[in-house]
């Protein structure tokens, strides 16, 4: 029987602002490296473009990169370029947690842009393992509202949605209900809403292509989306400019020419220079498409960056994603397999990836 040591966080990707991936040396970290400093104490990682918020098991938030600073007494954090949101512990036994929004460059000094005390019913008591769960933000405790990086910062949700998880992309939102149903709203010009069109949706609308399919997790990238079903299947849709959907991408193939029309499932399709005999590439996938993982692997987690996607599979906790060469098919990150590390969680920033992994130890 295998015993597990405490999880460690690793980072790789763009590091031009010194925002925590690996050693932080240079503009890019090309292979996974343990996070410098108190990597073993990190509970959650919340990356934005130019800085990263690290939450420790002791409840301290540490900022690295273009924004710096520390704050204690924190339950969770959520980072964007325009807003840093902290969920602070209740100041007293009869009070709920406090939600604070900060300008990232304020270094957590002075007063927040705004603060709101949540009701006592919002106090979390779910016993989540912080290494395997991303946390509630931007969905607030109690699942009745969420935080937005643009005004109004506090946005209520219709109670009938019964939200379990909420993810924000650059211009859209995905909500996973308690019953495993997926809703989306916001801008749709890249097909990121999954409704089969490029139209915007001002209010949450169920993704009909996933109706009747119990979903366990959702992820919102810059302009694409993904979900993992309870059976371990990954469905992905939206913009495919860099092959982030694991579908043939125009930008990765030379000598392309436009092929009029679309394929059978409504995706915007074009063909290569060889004509119709070549496989069409996909610019926009407006309906959820089943991701063909290598060796028929089942997925347990998915995360999306601006133009990349990471999937954790059930077998050995392996991780598959594209590298700096921009791939339009899944590739395994051999670092974790070679070092006998089992991936527990993955969290993509806009241009970086963070992974929590544990070492296998035979008893």
Foldseek 3Di string as FASTA:
>chain_A
DWDWDQWFKWKWWALCQQAFHAPSPDGTGFATHTTPDPRSQFLAWADADFKIWTAGPQAKTAIGGLAGAIDHQFDDWHDYQQWIWTFGCDPDPQFATKIFIAGRNVRPDDHGPDMDTDHNQLHDDPPDRSQQDNDAPQQGRVRQWGADSDPVGTGGDDVVQQFDHKEDAQFKIWTQHPQQWIWIFGAQLFLARQCLDRHGHHHTDTNVLCPPFRWDDKEYENFKIWTATPFQWIWIFGFCCLLQRLWAHPVLDPAFDADDDDDDQNFRWGAHNVPPVGDTTGGGGNHIDTADAPPNFGFDDKYYAHNKIWTFTPPQRWIWIDGPSRHNHTDTSCPCVVQQWHWSDWYDYNTMIMTITIHIDDD
